Amino acid sequence: MSVKVATIMQIIEELAPKNLAYDWDNIGLIVGSPKEELERILVSLDVNEQVVDEAIANGVGMIICHHPLIFKPISNIRWDNNLGVILKKLVQNEINLYAAHTNLDLCKNGVNQILFEKLGLEDGQILKVEKAEKLLKLVVFVPMSHVEHVKMSMGNAGAGWIGGYSHCVFGTQGIGSFKPLEGTNPYLGSTGEIEDVEEMRLETIVPEKILKTVLKSVLKEHPYEEVAYDIYPLANSGDKYGLGLAGRYDIPIAKNEFLEMVKERLQAPVLKVAGIIPEKIQKVGVCGGSGGSIISNAAFTGIQVFITGDISYHQAQEAESLGICVIDAGHGTTEKLVVPYFANNLKSKLDVQKRKVEVMISKVNSEPWTFL
C-alpha cells in the first residue's frame, strides 16, 4: 500500500522538528511534491550520483538524506555538471528528495545522542544550547460539571507535562458572570439575563508547538458555545536543544583501550589527535560532524577528550591552549551512525500507522577521503 510524501514528511518532522534547524540551513522537501505516492524509501547520509542510481535500481520513490543537495540558491541546472545530472535523474525518475540536517543534529535522539550512546557514555549534558522550547500558560474557565473532562483533555493532549509528571493542572474556584445575547444557545442561563455560574479556573503549562492541539482537545470537551480562555507567555523554558553532548564513564578507561574502542565503534580508519591524551579517560564530549566551533564550550565543561570532525589547524591549536584533547574522527564517520537509527525510527512510526512502506538504508559509501 502506497503512502503520500506528505505523510512521510509529517513523521520526519516529528522525529526532527523543522524549527530546530538553523536559519541558514536548507532542510525539508528539496525535490518532489507532498502529493506524490510511494512504496519505498532510501535513507542516506549524502546524496550523490551513486545514491541516486541506487534509488533508481531499487524503485525508490523518496530519498531522505542528512546533508542537503542544495544549500544556496542556484541560477541554472545544466547536464554538464554533477548537480545538474543528479537533479535531472531525480526529476526524470520521479524521486522525491528530503533533507533533515541541522534539525537532526539538534533534536533528541539525533546525531549527537546516537554518537554519545555508541561510545557508551552516560549523564549527557548539552555542550552549547542553541534553542529552548517555548512554554505558555493556558487558563480555561470551566463549569463544575465539566472540570474533570476538560482537565483530562488537557493532559491527554500533552499539556501539563513537567519532568516525570503528566496532567499537572492547578484549579481555583470562583464565579463567572455572562449574559447570553439574542441568537445564542447557552449551555447555562437564559437569553438576555445575567447568569452567575460556579466555575473552576484551570491553568496548565503548554509547549508552544502543541498549543493548537491542546486547544482543540479542550474546546471539544468544554460545554460552552464561547469558551473563555487566556494564553500567557512564560519566561521559563522547556526542553533545550543544542550542539554536542558531554558525558562520563563510571570507571576510567586506559588511553590505548579508549582509542581502540573509539576506532572500532565508529569504524574510523584513522583518528587525528590534538593535545595530550590523558592516561585515564573518564569525561568525554562528542559532537557529530563539525564541532570545532564549540571547542571552548567543551573545554569549560571539564571534559578531558572531545570527539568530533572537521577540526582545522587553528582549532586544534585552540584545543591545545585550553588544555583539552581533541580527537578528529572525521565528519562522515561521526554522523553516519544516525542513518540506520533514523531509518528504524521511521519504519517503526510507519508500522504503527499500518503503512506497508519499505525503508532501505543506502549501501553507498560517500566518504571522500582515502587514508594512505
Protein backbone atom coordinates (compact mmCIF):
# COMPACT_ATOMS: atom_id res chain seq x y z
CA MET A 1 0.00 0.00 0.00
CA SER A 2 1.49 3.33 -1.06
CA VAL A 3 1.76 6.40 1.14
CA LYS A 4 1.87 10.08 0.32
CA VAL A 5 5.10 12.03 0.64
CA ALA A 6 3.21 14.40 2.95
CA THR A 7 2.74 11.57 5.45
CA ILE A 8 6.46 10.77 5.40
CA MET A 9 7.27 14.46 5.86
CA GLN A 10 5.00 14.64 8.89
CA ILE A 11 6.74 11.67 10.52
CA ILE A 12 10.22 13.03 9.75
CA GLU A 13 9.27 16.35 11.31
CA GLU A 14 8.05 14.58 14.44
CA LEU A 15 11.44 12.91 14.75
CA ALA A 16 13.46 16.01 13.78
CA PRO A 17 11.30 19.16 14.13
CA LYS A 18 11.97 21.73 11.42
CA ASN A 19 12.04 24.62 13.89
CA LEU A 20 15.29 23.25 15.33
CA ALA A 21 17.21 23.88 12.11
CA TYR A 22 19.45 26.93 11.76
CA ASP A 23 18.15 29.77 9.61
CA TRP A 24 20.93 29.27 7.05
CA ASP A 25 20.11 25.60 6.55
CA ASN A 26 18.13 24.21 3.60
CA ILE A 27 16.02 21.41 5.02
CA GLY A 28 12.74 19.82 4.06
CA LEU A 29 11.47 18.68 0.67
CA ILE A 30 14.05 19.78 -1.90
CA VAL A 31 12.75 17.86 -4.93
CA GLY A 32 9.26 16.45 -5.45
CA SER A 33 5.72 17.01 -4.21
CA PRO A 34 3.90 16.23 -0.94
CA LYS A 35 1.07 14.83 -3.09
CA GLU A 36 3.21 12.09 -4.66
CA GLU A 37 2.71 8.50 -3.51
CA LEU A 38 5.46 5.97 -2.91
CA GLU A 39 6.14 2.47 -1.66
CA ARG A 40 9.88 2.53 -1.00
CA ILE A 41 12.23 4.95 0.82
CA LEU A 42 16.02 5.15 0.85
CA VAL A 43 17.82 6.77 3.81
CA SER A 44 21.36 8.05 3.28
CA LEU A 45 23.93 10.40 4.78
CA ASP A 46 24.61 12.17 1.47
CA VAL A 47 23.07 12.44 -1.98
CA ASN A 48 25.47 11.87 -4.83
CA GLU A 49 25.02 10.26 -8.23
CA GLN A 50 25.74 6.79 -6.84
CA VAL A 51 23.00 7.15 -4.22
CA VAL A 52 20.51 8.29 -6.86
CA ASP A 53 21.47 5.35 -9.11
CA GLU A 54 20.95 3.04 -6.12
CA ALA A 55 17.48 4.55 -5.62
CA ILE A 56 16.61 4.13 -9.30
CA ALA A 57 17.78 0.50 -9.34
CA ASN A 58 15.59 -0.30 -6.31
CA GLY A 59 12.45 1.52 -7.42
CA VAL A 60 12.71 4.06 -4.61
CA GLY A 61 10.20 6.91 -4.55
CA MET A 62 11.90 9.06 -1.93
CA ILE A 63 15.42 9.66 -0.66
CA ILE A 64 15.85 11.03 2.86
CA CYS A 65 19.33 12.42 3.42
CA HIS A 66 21.19 14.26 6.14
CA HIS A 67 23.28 16.62 4.02
CA PRO A 68 21.15 18.79 1.69
CA LEU A 69 21.92 18.52 -2.02
CA ILE A 70 21.31 22.26 -2.44
CA PHE A 71 22.49 24.74 0.21
CA LYS A 72 22.34 28.03 -1.65
CA PRO A 73 20.05 29.24 -4.46
CA ILE A 74 21.17 28.02 -7.89
CA SER A 75 20.94 30.04 -11.10
CA ASN A 76 20.93 27.17 -13.58
CA ILE A 77 20.56 23.42 -13.96
CA ARG A 78 22.98 22.02 -16.53
CA TRP A 79 23.67 18.46 -17.61
CA ASP A 80 27.40 19.10 -17.82
CA ASN A 81 27.89 19.41 -14.04
CA ASN A 82 27.32 16.93 -11.24
CA LEU A 83 24.50 18.81 -9.51
CA GLY A 84 22.58 19.14 -12.78
CA VAL A 85 22.97 15.42 -13.53
CA ILE A 86 21.70 14.45 -10.07
CA LEU A 87 18.70 16.77 -10.30
CA LYS A 88 17.91 15.52 -13.82
CA LYS A 89 17.92 11.89 -12.66
CA LEU A 90 15.75 12.70 -9.64
CA VAL A 91 13.14 14.51 -11.73
CA GLN A 92 13.14 12.06 -14.64
CA ASN A 93 12.66 9.12 -12.27
CA GLU A 94 10.13 10.98 -10.09
CA ILE A 95 12.22 10.54 -6.93
CA ASN A 96 11.42 12.90 -4.08
CA LEU A 97 14.33 14.24 -2.04
CA TYR A 98 14.08 15.36 1.59
CA ALA A 99 16.88 16.66 3.83
CA ALA A 100 16.95 16.59 7.64
CA HIS A 101 20.20 18.37 8.51
CA THR A 102 20.82 20.65 11.50
CA ASN A 103 17.39 19.77 12.89
CA LEU A 104 18.61 16.16 13.07
CA ASP A 105 21.82 17.39 14.71
CA LEU A 106 19.99 19.27 17.46
CA CYS A 107 16.96 17.07 18.12
CA LYS A 108 16.55 14.49 20.85
CA ASN A 109 17.79 11.09 19.65
CA GLY A 110 19.59 12.78 16.76
CA VAL A 111 23.19 12.71 15.53
CA ASN A 112 24.82 13.65 18.83
CA GLN A 113 22.73 11.35 21.00
CA ILE A 114 23.46 8.33 18.79
CA LEU A 115 27.19 9.11 18.80
CA PHE A 116 27.07 9.57 22.59
CA GLU A 117 25.33 6.23 23.13
CA LYS A 118 27.56 4.40 20.64
CA LEU A 119 30.57 5.32 22.77
CA GLY A 120 28.82 4.09 25.91
CA LEU A 121 28.72 7.45 27.66
CA GLU A 122 26.25 8.40 30.41
CA ASP A 123 24.89 11.52 32.13
CA GLY A 124 24.68 13.64 28.99
CA GLN A 125 24.58 17.42 29.09
CA ILE A 126 24.45 19.74 26.07
CA LEU A 127 27.73 21.45 25.27
CA LYS A 128 26.19 24.50 23.61
CA VAL A 129 22.48 25.20 23.98
CA GLU A 130 21.12 26.74 20.78
CA LYS A 131 17.36 26.59 21.21
CA ALA A 132 14.85 26.12 24.01
CA GLU A 133 11.25 25.03 23.83
CA LYS A 134 8.85 27.95 24.33
CA LEU A 135 6.30 27.42 27.07
CA LEU A 136 2.89 29.03 27.52
CA LYS A 137 0.36 29.12 30.34
CA LEU A 138 -3.15 28.15 29.26
CA VAL A 139 -6.01 29.25 31.53
CA VAL A 140 -9.55 27.97 30.90
CA PHE A 141 -12.74 28.75 32.83
CA VAL A 142 -14.94 25.68 33.16
CA PRO A 143 -18.35 25.00 34.77
CA MET A 144 -18.09 22.50 37.63
CA SER A 145 -19.97 19.84 35.66
CA HIS A 146 -17.11 19.52 33.13
CA VAL A 147 -13.98 20.17 35.18
CA GLU A 148 -12.72 16.59 35.13
CA HIS A 149 -13.43 16.18 31.40
CA VAL A 150 -11.50 19.33 30.49
CA LYS A 151 -8.62 18.52 32.87
CA MET A 152 -8.17 15.12 31.26
CA SER A 153 -8.39 16.59 27.76
CA MET A 154 -5.54 18.98 28.60
CA GLY A 155 -3.23 16.26 29.86
CA ASN A 156 -4.12 13.74 27.18
CA ALA A 157 -3.23 16.33 24.52
CA GLY A 158 0.23 16.88 26.05
CA ALA A 159 -0.32 19.87 28.35
CA GLY A 160 0.82 19.87 31.96
CA TRP A 161 3.82 17.61 31.48
CA ILE A 162 6.58 18.62 33.94
CA GLY A 163 9.59 16.33 34.27
CA GLY A 164 8.35 12.89 35.24
CA TYR A 165 4.80 14.09 35.91
CA SER A 166 1.89 14.45 33.50
CA HIS A 167 -1.58 16.06 33.70
CA CYS A 168 -0.32 18.84 36.02
CA VAL A 169 -3.19 21.34 36.41
CA PHE A 170 -3.99 23.94 39.07
CA GLY A 171 -7.60 24.89 39.78
CA THR A 172 -9.19 27.87 41.54
CA GLN A 173 -12.92 28.03 42.18
CA GLY A 174 -14.87 31.22 41.54
CA ILE A 175 -17.95 32.80 39.99
CA GLY A 176 -18.22 33.52 36.27
CA SER A 177 -20.79 36.03 35.01
CA PHE A 178 -22.22 36.45 31.50
CA LYS A 179 -25.36 37.45 29.60
CA PRO A 180 -26.39 35.37 26.59
CA LEU A 181 -27.42 37.66 23.72
CA GLU A 182 -30.04 37.16 21.03
CA GLY A 183 -29.28 34.20 18.76
CA THR A 184 -27.18 32.29 21.26
CA ASN A 185 -27.83 28.82 22.60
CA PRO A 186 -26.29 28.89 26.10
CA TYR A 187 -25.37 25.72 27.97
CA LEU A 188 -26.37 27.55 31.17
CA GLY A 189 -28.61 30.59 31.70
CA SER A 190 -31.28 32.32 29.62
CA THR A 191 -31.06 34.75 26.72
CA GLY A 192 -31.00 38.38 27.87
CA GLU A 193 -30.37 37.62 31.52
CA ILE A 194 -27.20 37.93 33.60
CA GLU A 195 -26.10 34.50 34.77
CA ASP A 196 -23.71 33.80 37.65
CA VAL A 197 -22.11 30.36 37.39
CA GLU A 198 -19.82 28.49 39.73
CA GLU A 199 -16.72 27.78 37.65
CA MET A 200 -13.20 26.47 38.03
CA ARG A 201 -10.21 28.36 36.66
CA LEU A 202 -7.93 25.63 35.31
CA GLU A 203 -4.37 26.55 34.40
CA THR A 204 -1.60 24.43 32.97
CA ILE A 205 1.68 24.67 31.10
CA VAL A 206 1.74 24.05 27.33
CA PRO A 207 4.68 23.80 24.91
CA GLU A 208 4.02 26.33 22.15
CA LYS A 209 4.40 23.71 19.43
CA ILE A 210 1.34 21.77 20.65
CA LEU A 211 -0.89 24.72 21.63
CA LYS A 212 -3.30 24.22 18.71
CA THR A 213 -3.68 20.52 19.52
CA VAL A 214 -4.35 21.22 23.21
CA LEU A 215 -6.88 23.96 22.43
CA LYS A 216 -8.70 21.70 20.00
CA SER A 217 -8.94 18.99 22.66
CA VAL A 218 -10.14 21.45 25.34
CA LEU A 219 -12.78 23.05 23.12
CA LYS A 220 -14.11 19.62 22.19
CA GLU A 221 -14.79 18.77 25.86
CA HIS A 222 -15.93 22.21 27.03
CA PRO A 223 -19.75 22.64 27.01
CA TYR A 224 -19.91 26.39 26.30
CA GLU A 225 -20.60 27.92 22.89
CA GLU A 226 -17.97 30.57 23.58
CA VAL A 227 -15.13 29.31 25.73
CA ALA A 228 -13.26 31.85 27.85
CA TYR A 229 -9.54 31.12 27.90
CA ASP A 230 -6.28 33.06 28.23
CA ILE A 231 -2.79 32.31 26.91
CA TYR A 232 0.26 33.80 28.63
CA PRO A 233 3.91 33.62 27.53
CA LEU A 234 6.29 32.25 30.18
CA ALA A 235 9.85 33.29 30.92
CA ASN A 236 10.86 29.74 31.85
CA SER A 237 11.59 27.34 29.01
CA GLY A 238 11.07 23.65 28.35
CA ASP A 239 13.35 21.18 26.64
CA LYS A 240 16.69 22.53 25.48
CA TYR A 241 18.43 21.63 22.23
CA GLY A 242 21.98 22.21 21.14
CA LEU A 243 25.29 21.08 19.74
CA GLY A 244 27.28 18.27 21.26
CA LEU A 245 26.99 16.31 24.48
CA ALA A 246 29.32 15.86 27.43
CA GLY A 247 29.24 12.67 29.44
CA ARG A 248 31.26 10.28 31.53
CA TYR A 249 32.18 6.67 32.20
CA ASP A 250 31.60 5.14 35.62
CA ILE A 251 35.10 3.68 35.54
CA PRO A 252 38.00 5.49 33.85
CA ILE A 253 39.35 3.81 30.70
CA ALA A 254 43.04 3.43 29.89
CA LYS A 255 44.28 5.60 27.00
CA ASN A 256 45.09 2.82 24.50
CA GLU A 257 41.91 0.90 25.28
CA PHE A 258 39.86 4.05 24.79
CA LEU A 259 41.42 4.88 21.42
CA GLU A 260 40.86 1.33 20.15
CA MET A 261 37.26 1.42 21.33
CA VAL A 262 36.61 4.72 19.52
CA LYS A 263 38.10 3.41 16.27
CA GLU A 264 36.17 0.15 16.49
CA ARG A 265 32.78 1.55 17.46
CA LEU A 266 32.90 4.41 14.96
CA GLN A 267 34.58 2.25 12.30
CA ALA A 268 37.07 5.08 11.92
CA PRO A 269 40.04 4.31 9.65
CA VAL A 270 42.16 6.93 11.38
CA LEU A 271 42.00 9.33 14.32
CA LYS A 272 43.69 12.74 14.31
CA VAL A 273 44.59 13.89 17.80
CA ALA A 274 45.48 17.36 19.10
CA GLY A 275 46.59 17.91 22.66
CA ILE A 276 47.80 15.41 25.24
CA ILE A 277 45.72 12.24 25.62
CA PRO A 278 45.18 11.53 29.34
CA GLU A 279 46.43 8.17 30.63
CA LYS A 280 42.98 7.53 32.14
CA ILE A 281 39.85 8.86 30.46
CA GLN A 282 36.51 9.33 32.18
CA LYS A 283 34.94 12.61 30.99
CA VAL A 284 34.29 12.81 27.25
CA GLY A 285 32.40 15.16 24.93
CA VAL A 286 31.11 14.45 21.42
CA CYS A 287 29.77 16.47 18.51
CA GLY A 288 28.87 14.80 15.24
CA GLY A 289 30.07 16.41 12.01
CA SER A 290 31.94 19.68 12.54
CA GLY A 291 32.46 20.56 16.19
CA GLY A 292 35.40 22.91 16.01
CA SER A 293 33.27 25.96 16.79
CA ILE A 294 32.37 24.63 20.25
CA ILE A 295 35.82 23.57 21.48
CA SER A 296 35.78 26.30 24.13
CA ASN A 297 32.30 25.19 25.28
CA ALA A 298 33.60 21.64 25.53
CA ALA A 299 36.67 22.69 27.49
CA PHE A 300 34.66 24.71 30.01
CA THR A 301 32.54 21.66 30.93
CA GLY A 302 35.64 19.99 32.33
CA ILE A 303 35.80 17.08 29.86
CA GLN A 304 39.19 15.51 29.11
CA VAL A 305 38.60 14.45 25.50
CA PHE A 306 36.39 15.92 22.76
CA ILE A 307 35.48 13.69 19.78
CA THR A 308 34.23 15.38 16.62
CA GLY A 309 35.21 16.01 12.98
CA ASP A 310 36.49 18.70 10.60
CA ILE A 311 38.94 20.24 13.07
CA SER A 312 41.07 22.96 11.44
CA TYR A 313 44.70 23.76 12.17
CA HIS A 314 43.82 26.77 14.32
CA GLN A 315 41.02 24.96 16.13
CA ALA A 316 43.49 22.24 17.06
CA GLN A 317 45.81 24.92 18.45
CA GLU A 318 42.90 26.38 20.41
CA ALA A 319 42.25 22.97 21.97
CA GLU A 320 45.88 22.68 22.99
CA SER A 321 45.82 26.12 24.59
CA LEU A 322 42.68 25.21 26.55
CA GLY A 323 44.25 22.00 27.83
CA ILE A 324 41.76 19.69 26.16
CA CYS A 325 42.49 16.70 23.93
CA VAL A 326 40.55 16.75 20.64
CA ILE A 327 40.06 13.67 18.51
CA ASP A 328 39.04 14.29 14.89
CA ALA A 329 37.40 11.06 13.73
CA GLY A 330 36.00 12.62 10.56
CA HIS A 331 32.81 14.43 9.60
CA GLY A 332 31.05 11.49 7.99
CA THR A 333 32.36 8.96 10.49
CA THR A 334 30.79 10.80 13.41
CA GLU A 335 27.46 11.27 11.61
CA LYS A 336 26.82 8.08 9.63
CA LEU A 337 25.73 6.22 12.77
CA VAL A 338 22.45 8.14 12.73
CA VAL A 339 21.35 6.77 9.33
CA PRO A 340 20.27 3.23 10.38
CA TYR A 341 18.88 4.56 13.66
CA PHE A 342 16.78 7.16 11.87
CA ALA A 343 15.62 4.60 9.28
CA ASN A 344 14.49 2.24 12.05
CA ASN A 345 12.61 5.02 13.83
CA LEU A 346 10.88 5.99 10.59
CA LYS A 347 9.95 2.37 9.92
CA SER A 348 8.54 1.97 13.45
CA LYS A 349 6.34 5.05 13.02
CA LEU A 350 5.08 3.75 9.68
CA ASP A 351 4.35 0.33 11.19
CA VAL A 352 2.28 1.93 13.94
CA GLN A 353 0.19 3.60 11.22
CA LYS A 354 -0.01 0.23 9.42
CA ARG A 355 1.72 1.67 6.36
CA LYS A 356 3.30 -1.01 4.20
CA VAL A 357 6.30 1.01 3.09
CA GLU A 358 9.80 -0.41 2.69
CA VAL A 359 12.56 1.65 4.29
CA MET A 360 16.03 0.92 2.92
CA ILE A 361 19.45 2.05 4.14
CA SER A 362 21.87 3.20 1.45
CA LYS A 363 24.87 0.95 0.86
CA VAL A 364 26.84 3.71 -0.84
CA ASN A 365 29.99 4.85 0.95
CA SER A 366 30.14 8.60 0.35
CA GLU A 367 33.33 9.19 2.36
CA PRO A 368 35.53 11.33 0.08
CA TRP A 369 38.81 10.75 1.94
CA THR A 370 41.30 7.97 1.28
CA PHE A 371 43.86 7.30 4.00
CA LEU A 372 47.26 6.02 2.87
